[in-house]
Structures are given as structure tokens and as C-alpha cells.
C-alpha atoms as a PDB file:
ATOM      1  CA  UNK A   1      10.992  -4.267  22.386  1.00  0.00           C
ATOM      2  CA  UNK A   2      13.114  -7.096  21.325  1.00  0.00           C
ATOM      3  CA  UNK A   3      13.334  -8.304  18.539  1.00  0.00           C
ATOM      4  CA  UNK A   4      12.954 -11.978  19.691  1.00  0.00           C
ATOM      5  CA  UNK A   5       9.703 -10.568  21.785  1.00  0.00           C
ATOM      6  CA  UNK A   6       8.563  -9.134  18.201  1.00  0.00           C
ATOM      7  CA  UNK A   7       9.386 -12.810  16.390  1.00  0.00           C
ATOM      8  CA  UNK A   8       7.639 -14.326  19.257  1.00  0.00           C
ATOM      9  CA  UNK A   9       4.306 -12.140  18.555  1.00  0.00           C
ATOM     10  CA  UNK A  10       4.118 -13.276  15.502  1.00  0.00           C
ATOM     11  CA  UNK A  11       4.980 -16.554  15.991  1.00  0.00           C
ATOM     12  CA  UNK A  12       2.077 -16.515  18.299  1.00  0.00           C
ATOM     13  CA  UNK A  13      -0.264 -15.116  16.130  1.00  0.00           C
ATOM     14  CA  UNK A  14       0.701 -17.361  13.203  1.00  0.00           C
ATOM     15  CA  UNK A  15      -0.282 -20.355  14.942  1.00  0.00           C
ATOM     16  CA  UNK A  16      -3.534 -17.917  16.866  1.00  0.00           C
ATOM     17  CA  UNK A  17      -4.322 -17.520  12.728  1.00  0.00           C
ATOM     18  CA  UNK A  18      -3.559 -21.362  11.993  1.00  0.00           C
ATOM     19  CA  UNK A  19      -5.681 -22.502  15.122  1.00  0.00           C
ATOM     20  CA  UNK A  20      -8.969 -19.687  13.230  1.00  0.00           C
ATOM     21  CA  UNK A  21      -8.104 -21.201   9.875  1.00  0.00           C
ATOM     22  CA  UNK A  22      -8.780 -25.739  11.065  1.00  0.00           C
ATOM     23  CA  UNK A  23     -12.169 -23.782  13.183  1.00  0.00           C
ATOM     24  CA  UNK A  24     -13.301 -22.313   9.797  1.00  0.00           C
ATOM     25  CA  UNK A  25     -13.346 -25.479   8.730  1.00  0.00           C
ATOM     26  CA  UNK A  26     -16.325 -25.987  10.222  1.00  0.00           C
ATOM     27  CA  UNK A  27     -18.262 -24.149   9.209  1.00  0.00           C
ATOM     28  CA  UNK A  28     -19.484 -25.222   5.757  1.00  0.00           C
ATOM     29  CA  UNK A  29     -20.632 -27.769   8.025  1.00  0.00           C
ATOM     30  CA  UNK A  30     -22.192 -26.184  11.361  1.00  0.00           C
ATOM     31  CA  UNK A  31     -24.146 -23.904   8.714  1.00  0.00           C
ATOM     32  CA  UNK A  32     -25.448 -26.738   6.594  1.00  0.00           C
ATOM     33  CA  UNK A  33     -28.936 -26.519   7.630  1.00  0.00           C
ATOM     34  CA  UNK A  34     -29.187 -22.653   7.012  1.00  0.00           C
ATOM     35  CA  UNK A  35     -27.793 -20.886   3.516  1.00  0.00           C
ATOM     36  CA  UNK A  36     -28.548 -17.691   4.785  1.00  0.00           C
ATOM     37  CA  UNK A  37     -26.867 -18.613   8.472  1.00  0.00           C
ATOM     38  CA  UNK A  38     -23.950 -20.042   5.768  1.00  0.00           C
ATOM     39  CA  UNK A  39     -23.896 -16.634   4.045  1.00  0.00           C
ATOM     40  CA  UNK A  40     -23.581 -14.257   7.027  1.00  0.00           C
ATOM     41  CA  UNK A  41     -20.797 -16.788   9.234  1.00  0.00           C
ATOM     42  CA  UNK A  42     -19.113 -16.407   5.591  1.00  0.00           C
ATOM     43  CA  UNK A  43     -18.973 -12.815   5.853  1.00  0.00           C
ATOM     44  CA  UNK A  44     -18.316 -12.608   9.545  1.00  0.00           C
ATOM     45  CA  UNK A  45     -15.491 -15.391   8.549  1.00  0.00           C
ATOM     46  CA  UNK A  46     -14.040 -13.562   5.924  1.00  0.00           C
ATOM     47  CA  UNK A  47     -13.920 -10.450   8.094  1.00  0.00           C
ATOM     48  CA  UNK A  48     -11.556 -12.259  11.042  1.00  0.00           C
ATOM     49  CA  UNK A  49      -9.523 -13.892   8.355  1.00  0.00           C
ATOM     50  CA  UNK A  50      -8.620 -10.188   7.171  1.00  0.00           C
ATOM     51  CA  UNK A  51      -7.602  -8.898  10.446  1.00  0.00           C
ATOM     52  CA  UNK A  52      -6.118 -12.074  11.991  1.00  0.00           C
ATOM     53  CA  UNK A  53      -3.773 -11.960   8.758  1.00  0.00           C
ATOM     54  CA  UNK A  54      -3.471  -8.600   9.016  1.00  0.00           C
ATOM     55  CA  UNK A  55      -2.167  -9.069  12.191  1.00  0.00           C
ATOM     56  CA  UNK A  56       0.283 -11.477  11.376  1.00  0.00           C
ATOM     57  CA  UNK A  57       1.447  -9.271   8.370  1.00  0.00           C
ATOM     58  CA  UNK A  58       1.966  -6.124  10.574  1.00  0.00           C
ATOM     59  CA  UNK A  59       3.886  -8.021  12.901  1.00  0.00           C
ATOM     60  CA  UNK A  60       5.694  -9.624  10.802  1.00  0.00           C
ATOM     61  CA  UNK A  61       7.024  -5.926   9.102  1.00  0.00           C
ATOM     62  CA  UNK A  62       7.615  -4.569  12.493  1.00  0.00           C
ATOM     63  CA  UNK A  63      10.075  -7.042  13.317  1.00  0.00           C
ATOM     64  CA  UNK A  64      12.148  -7.125   9.864  1.00  0.00           C
ATOM     65  CA  UNK A  65      12.016  -3.081   9.844  1.00  0.00           C
ATOM     66  CA  UNK A  66      12.955  -2.747  13.823  1.00  0.00           C
ATOM     67  CA  UNK A  67      14.716  -5.424  13.572  1.00  0.00           C
ATOM     68  CA  UNK A  68      17.213  -4.563  10.885  1.00  0.00           C
ATOM     69  CA  UNK A  69      16.077  -8.521   9.186  1.00  0.00           C
ATOM     70  CA  UNK A  70      16.180  -7.519   5.988  1.00  0.00           C
ATOM     71  CA  UNK A  71      14.135  -8.970   3.017  1.00  0.00           C
ATOM     72  CA  UNK A  72      15.460 -12.775   2.793  1.00  0.00           C
ATOM     73  CA  UNK A  73      13.812 -14.794  -0.051  1.00  0.00           C
ATOM     74  CA  UNK A  74      11.615 -16.030   3.470  1.00  0.00           C
ATOM     75  CA  UNK A  75      10.252 -12.388   4.207  1.00  0.00           C
ATOM     76  CA  UNK A  76       8.995 -12.042   0.765  1.00  0.00           C
ATOM     77  CA  UNK A  77       7.297 -15.340   0.169  1.00  0.00           C
ATOM     78  CA  UNK A  78       5.875 -14.667   3.158  1.00  0.00           C
ATOM     79  CA  UNK A  79       4.600 -11.245   1.320  1.00  0.00           C
ATOM     80  CA  UNK A  80       3.305 -13.318  -1.440  1.00  0.00           C
ATOM     81  CA  UNK A  81       1.430 -15.846   1.189  1.00  0.00           C
ATOM     82  CA  UNK A  82       0.284 -12.914   2.792  1.00  0.00           C
ATOM     83  CA  UNK A  83      -1.219 -11.848  -0.786  1.00  0.00           C
ATOM     84  CA  UNK A  84      -2.065 -15.177  -1.833  1.00  0.00           C
ATOM     85  CA  UNK A  85      -4.229 -15.996   1.106  1.00  0.00           C
ATOM     86  CA  UNK A  86      -6.090 -12.463   0.935  1.00  0.00           C
ATOM     87  CA  UNK A  87      -6.565 -12.550  -2.663  1.00  0.00           C
ATOM     88  CA  UNK A  88      -8.625 -16.469  -2.309  1.00  0.00           C
ATOM     89  CA  UNK A  89     -10.236 -15.479   0.943  1.00  0.00           C
ATOM     90  CA  UNK A  90     -11.704 -12.148  -1.082  1.00  0.00           C
ATOM     91  CA  UNK A  91     -12.473 -14.069  -4.052  1.00  0.00           C
ATOM     92  CA  UNK A  92     -14.621 -16.523  -1.831  1.00  0.00           C
ATOM     93  CA  UNK A  93     -16.085 -14.299  -0.122  1.00  0.00           C
ATOM     94  CA  UNK A  94     -17.157 -12.607  -3.615  1.00  0.00           C
ATOM     95  CA  UNK A  95     -18.592 -15.179  -5.068  1.00  0.00           C
ATOM     96  CA  UNK A  96     -20.524 -17.089  -1.352  1.00  0.00           C
ATOM     97  CA  UNK A  97     -22.326 -12.501  -1.240  1.00  0.00           C
ATOM     98  CA  UNK A  98     -23.258 -13.078  -5.094  1.00  0.00           C
ATOM     99  CA  UNK A  99     -24.695 -16.446  -4.961  1.00  0.00           C
ATOM    100  CA  UNK A 100     -28.339 -17.566  -4.634  1.00  0.00           C
ATOM    101  CA  UNK A 101     -27.675 -19.742  -1.606  1.00  0.00           C
ATOM    102  CA  UNK A 102     -30.843 -20.549  -1.228  1.00  0.00           C
ATOM    103  CA  UNK A 103     -30.673 -23.178  -4.701  1.00  0.00           C
ATOM    104  CA  UNK A 104     -29.537 -25.935  -2.869  1.00  0.00           C
ATOM    105  CA  UNK A 105     -27.518 -26.986  -5.206  1.00  0.00           C
ATOM    106  CA  UNK A 106     -25.402 -23.865  -5.032  1.00  0.00           C
ATOM    107  CA  UNK A 107     -25.056 -24.137  -1.562  1.00  0.00           C
ATOM    108  CA  UNK A 108     -24.109 -27.394  -1.793  1.00  0.00           C
ATOM    109  CA  UNK A 109     -21.345 -26.330  -4.145  1.00  0.00           C
ATOM    110  CA  UNK A 110     -20.627 -23.315  -2.074  1.00  0.00           C
ATOM    111  CA  UNK A 111     -20.146 -25.268   1.499  1.00  0.00           C
ATOM    112  CA  UNK A 112     -17.303 -27.676  -0.561  1.00  0.00           C
ATOM    113  CA  UNK A 113     -15.851 -25.276  -2.843  1.00  0.00           C
ATOM    114  CA  UNK A 114     -15.086 -23.466   1.300  1.00  0.00           C
ATOM    115  CA  UNK A 115     -13.923 -26.537   3.085  1.00  0.00           C
ATOM    116  CA  UNK A 116     -11.509 -26.974  -0.407  1.00  0.00           C
ATOM    117  CA  UNK A 117     -10.075 -23.051  -0.113  1.00  0.00           C
ATOM    118  CA  UNK A 118      -9.534 -23.658   3.682  1.00  0.00           C
ATOM    119  CA  UNK A 119      -7.354 -26.336   3.180  1.00  0.00           C
ATOM    120  CA  UNK A 120      -5.476 -25.137   0.262  1.00  0.00           C
ATOM    121  CA  UNK A 121      -5.149 -21.838   3.109  1.00  0.00           C
ATOM    122  CA  UNK A 122      -4.281 -24.580   6.349  1.00  0.00           C
ATOM    123  CA  UNK A 123      -2.033 -26.216   3.704  1.00  0.00           C
ATOM    124  CA  UNK A 124       0.188 -22.773   2.079  1.00  0.00           C
ATOM    125  CA  UNK A 125       0.498 -22.086   5.824  1.00  0.00           C
ATOM    126  CA  UNK A 126       1.931 -25.149   7.009  1.00  0.00           C
ATOM    127  CA  UNK A 127       4.575 -24.850   4.291  1.00  0.00           C
ATOM    128  CA  UNK A 128       5.388 -21.652   5.376  1.00  0.00           C
ATOM    129  CA  UNK A 129       5.875 -22.915   8.847  1.00  0.00           C
ATOM    130  CA  UNK A 130       7.832 -25.939   7.983  1.00  0.00           C
ATOM    131  CA  UNK A 131       9.952 -23.939   5.629  1.00  0.00           C
ATOM    132  CA  UNK A 132      10.189 -21.561   8.425  1.00  0.00           C
ATOM    133  CA  UNK A 133      11.338 -24.112  11.464  1.00  0.00           C
ATOM    134  CA  UNK A 134      14.011 -25.787   8.875  1.00  0.00           C
ATOM    135  CA  UNK A 135      15.457 -21.569   8.719  1.00  0.00           C
ATOM    136  CA  UNK A 136      15.065 -21.474  12.105  1.00  0.00           C
ATOM    137  CA  UNK A 137      17.204 -25.028  12.932  1.00  0.00           C
ATOM    138  CA  UNK A 138      20.152 -24.566  10.391  1.00  0.00           C
ATOM    139  CA  UNK A 139      18.926 -26.990   8.124  1.00  0.00           C
ATOM    140  CA  UNK A 140      17.750 -24.958   5.412  1.00  0.00           C
ATOM    141  CA  UNK A 141      19.417 -21.199   4.201  1.00  0.00           C
ATOM    142  CA  UNK A 142      17.106 -18.619   2.850  1.00  0.00           C
END
């Protein structure tokens, strides 16, 4: 497989992940009336989040190593971003898992926090995508 194909696969997975994150914004609204449903849906969302982001990271690392691309600043930044996003999602899941979502106020706070966390994750991914687009155009040399 050529490096361009590996990078195209990585790019496709990133776009799919962005779509997944955008869809995740709907989760708190769809489960607004069902605290138990919110807890279960959040668990499923976290597992899918981890699976997709790990596929993104794996495809990227395969491209780096087999394509002999080296560890540029942007590659290191992507690995750091992956770790930050994983950490945030795992912490969110832990809080939702132990929280008493049957309490209406707790449920409301967790739903709001879930939306805010999703927005932060989308923002982080969009920034990285923007940096990589600028790098591909030659505008930024990192």
C-alpha cells in the first residue's frame, strides 16, 4: 500500500470521526427524558468513540512508520491531541457511570457537560484539521 493511500485512509477516518462527534452532540437531547437511557447511550458512545479514535491513530501511525514520514511537530501534536481527547472522554464516562442520573438536576448538569465536552472535542479536531490543511497547502511549515 502506498503512503498516499494510507494517508487517504487516515483522512477518511478523521472525517468519519468528525461526523461521529457531530452526531454525539445529539445524544443528550435524544435522551433528555430518559436518565437511564442517557447513561446507557453514553456508555455505547464512549466505546464507539474509543474505537474510532484508535483506528484514526493506528492508521496515522502506520502511515508514519511505513511511509518513513518521521516525527514532525504536527505528528507529535496529533498524538498529544489523541491522548487529550481519550482522557477527556474517559473522565466523562467515569463521571456519568457513577452519577445518580435519576436526580433531575444531576441529569441536567451531565447532559450540559456532555454537550460542552463534545464541542471542545470538535474544536480540537477542527484546529488540527485546519493545521494539516495549511501544511498540505504549504502555508504552514511544521
